[in-house]
Amino acid sequence: SGTDGKESTGLGMWIVKSLVEDHKGKIWFDSSEGSGSTFYVEIPIEEKTLSNN
């Protein structure tokens, strides 16, 4: 169940994971019993160069 006590399907995390992986990123978490979990997302920034044409 979610933090509000309602049943959850886990679909939200699957969507986030798919989007992060599509952008060549990483997702991970830390979890502590009694304190919950913290999720981290890292997505690389692609630098683009401008040309004067």
N, C-alpha and C. Protein backbone atom coordinates (compact mmCIF):
# COMPACT_ATOMS: atom_id res chain seq x y z
N SER A 1 0.84 -1.19 0.00
CA SER A 1 0.00 0.00 0.00
C SER A 1 0.88 1.25 0.00
N GLY A 2 0.31 2.35 -0.44
CA GLY A 2 1.05 3.61 -0.50
C GLY A 2 1.13 4.28 0.85
N THR A 3 1.71 5.47 0.88
CA THR A 3 1.89 6.19 2.14
C THR A 3 0.57 6.64 2.74
N ASP A 4 -0.47 6.75 1.90
CA ASP A 4 -1.78 7.16 2.42
C ASP A 4 -2.66 5.97 2.78
N GLY A 5 -2.09 4.76 2.74
CA GLY A 5 -2.82 3.56 3.12
C GLY A 5 -3.62 2.93 2.00
N LYS A 6 -3.66 3.56 0.83
CA LYS A 6 -4.40 3.02 -0.31
C LYS A 6 -3.55 1.97 -1.02
N GLU A 7 -4.22 1.02 -1.66
CA GLU A 7 -3.52 0.01 -2.43
C GLU A 7 -2.80 0.66 -3.61
N SER A 8 -1.64 0.10 -3.96
CA SER A 8 -0.82 0.64 -5.03
C SER A 8 -0.47 -0.47 -6.01
N THR A 9 -0.34 -0.13 -7.29
CA THR A 9 0.03 -1.12 -8.30
C THR A 9 1.51 -1.11 -8.60
N GLY A 10 2.23 -0.06 -8.19
CA GLY A 10 3.65 0.05 -8.51
C GLY A 10 3.90 0.59 -9.90
N LEU A 11 2.86 0.96 -10.60
CA LEU A 11 2.98 1.45 -11.97
C LEU A 11 3.77 2.75 -12.04
N GLY A 12 3.62 3.62 -11.07
CA GLY A 12 4.32 4.90 -11.07
C GLY A 12 5.83 4.73 -11.10
N MET A 13 6.36 3.83 -10.29
CA MET A 13 7.80 3.60 -10.27
C MET A 13 8.27 2.98 -11.58
N TRP A 14 7.47 2.12 -12.17
CA TRP A 14 7.81 1.52 -13.47
C TRP A 14 7.92 2.62 -14.53
N ILE A 15 7.00 3.57 -14.53
CA ILE A 15 7.02 4.68 -15.49
C ILE A 15 8.27 5.53 -15.28
N VAL A 16 8.56 5.87 -14.04
CA VAL A 16 9.75 6.68 -13.73
C VAL A 16 11.01 5.95 -14.20
N LYS A 17 11.13 4.67 -13.88
CA LYS A 17 12.30 3.88 -14.27
C LYS A 17 12.45 3.85 -15.79
N SER A 18 11.36 3.67 -16.51
CA SER A 18 11.41 3.64 -17.97
C SER A 18 11.87 4.97 -18.54
N LEU A 19 11.35 6.07 -18.02
CA LEU A 19 11.75 7.39 -18.50
C LEU A 19 13.22 7.68 -18.21
N VAL A 20 13.66 7.33 -17.01
CA VAL A 20 15.06 7.56 -16.63
C VAL A 20 15.99 6.75 -17.54
N GLU A 21 15.67 5.48 -17.76
CA GLU A 21 16.51 4.64 -18.61
C GLU A 21 16.49 5.12 -20.06
N ASP A 22 15.36 5.61 -20.54
CA ASP A 22 15.27 6.14 -21.91
C ASP A 22 16.20 7.33 -22.11
N HIS A 23 16.50 8.05 -21.03
CA HIS A 23 17.38 9.22 -21.10
C HIS A 23 18.79 8.90 -20.60
N LYS A 24 19.12 7.61 -20.58
CA LYS A 24 20.46 7.14 -20.19
C LYS A 24 20.82 7.53 -18.76
N GLY A 25 19.82 7.57 -17.90
CA GLY A 25 20.04 7.97 -16.51
C GLY A 25 20.08 6.78 -15.57
N LYS A 26 20.11 7.08 -14.29
CA LYS A 26 20.14 6.06 -13.24
C LYS A 26 19.08 6.38 -12.20
N ILE A 27 18.56 5.34 -11.58
CA ILE A 27 17.63 5.50 -10.46
C ILE A 27 18.04 4.49 -9.39
N TRP A 28 18.06 4.94 -8.13
CA TRP A 28 18.41 4.07 -7.03
C TRP A 28 17.73 4.57 -5.77
N PHE A 29 17.83 3.80 -4.70
CA PHE A 29 17.16 4.20 -3.47
C PHE A 29 17.94 3.75 -2.25
N ASP A 30 17.69 4.42 -1.15
CA ASP A 30 18.14 4.02 0.19
C ASP A 30 16.89 3.77 1.00
N SER A 31 16.92 2.74 1.82
CA SER A 31 15.75 2.41 2.62
C SER A 31 16.17 2.11 4.05
N SER A 32 15.42 2.65 4.99
CA SER A 32 15.67 2.40 6.41
C SER A 32 14.37 1.96 7.06
N GLU A 33 14.43 0.84 7.76
CA GLU A 33 13.24 0.33 8.43
C GLU A 33 12.71 1.36 9.42
N GLY A 34 11.44 1.66 9.32
CA GLY A 34 10.81 2.63 10.20
C GLY A 34 10.93 4.07 9.74
N SER A 35 11.82 4.32 8.77
CA SER A 35 12.00 5.69 8.27
C SER A 35 11.53 5.86 6.83
N GLY A 36 11.33 4.76 6.12
CA GLY A 36 10.89 4.84 4.74
C GLY A 36 12.04 4.77 3.76
N SER A 37 11.78 5.16 2.54
CA SER A 37 12.76 5.08 1.46
C SER A 37 12.95 6.43 0.81
N THR A 38 14.16 6.67 0.33
CA THR A 38 14.48 7.86 -0.44
C THR A 38 14.93 7.40 -1.81
N PHE A 39 14.30 7.93 -2.85
CA PHE A 39 14.64 7.56 -4.22
C PHE A 39 15.44 8.68 -4.86
N TYR A 40 16.42 8.30 -5.65
CA TYR A 40 17.29 9.25 -6.34
C TYR A 40 17.21 9.01 -7.84
N VAL A 41 17.23 10.09 -8.60
CA VAL A 41 17.22 10.02 -10.06
C VAL A 41 18.34 10.90 -10.58
N GLU A 42 19.11 10.36 -11.51
CA GLU A 42 20.19 11.11 -12.13
C GLU A 42 20.04 10.98 -13.65
N ILE A 43 19.93 12.11 -14.32
CA ILE A 43 19.82 12.13 -15.78
C ILE A 43 20.93 13.02 -16.31
N PRO A 44 21.78 12.48 -17.20
CA PRO A 44 22.89 13.28 -17.72
C PRO A 44 22.39 14.43 -18.60
N ILE A 45 23.14 15.51 -18.57
CA ILE A 45 22.83 16.67 -19.42
C ILE A 45 23.74 16.61 -20.64
N GLU A 46 23.14 16.66 -21.80
CA GLU A 46 23.91 16.64 -23.04
C GLU A 46 24.23 18.07 -23.43
N GLU A 47 25.52 18.37 -23.54
CA GLU A 47 25.92 19.71 -23.96
C GLU A 47 25.90 19.77 -25.48
N LYS A 48 25.30 20.81 -26.00
CA LYS A 48 25.24 21.00 -27.45
C LYS A 48 26.06 22.22 -27.81
N THR A 49 26.76 22.12 -28.91
CA THR A 49 27.53 23.27 -29.37
C THR A 49 26.73 24.00 -30.44
N LEU A 50 26.85 25.30 -30.43
CA LEU A 50 26.16 26.13 -31.41
C LEU A 50 27.11 26.46 -32.54
N SER A 51 26.60 26.44 -33.74
CA SER A 51 27.43 26.82 -34.88
C SER A 51 26.92 28.13 -35.46
N ASN A 52 27.82 28.91 -36.00
CA ASN A 52 27.47 30.19 -36.62
C ASN A 52 27.38 30.00 -38.13
N ASN A 53 26.27 29.52 -38.59
CA ASN A 53 26.07 29.31 -40.04
C ASN A 53 25.21 30.39 -40.61
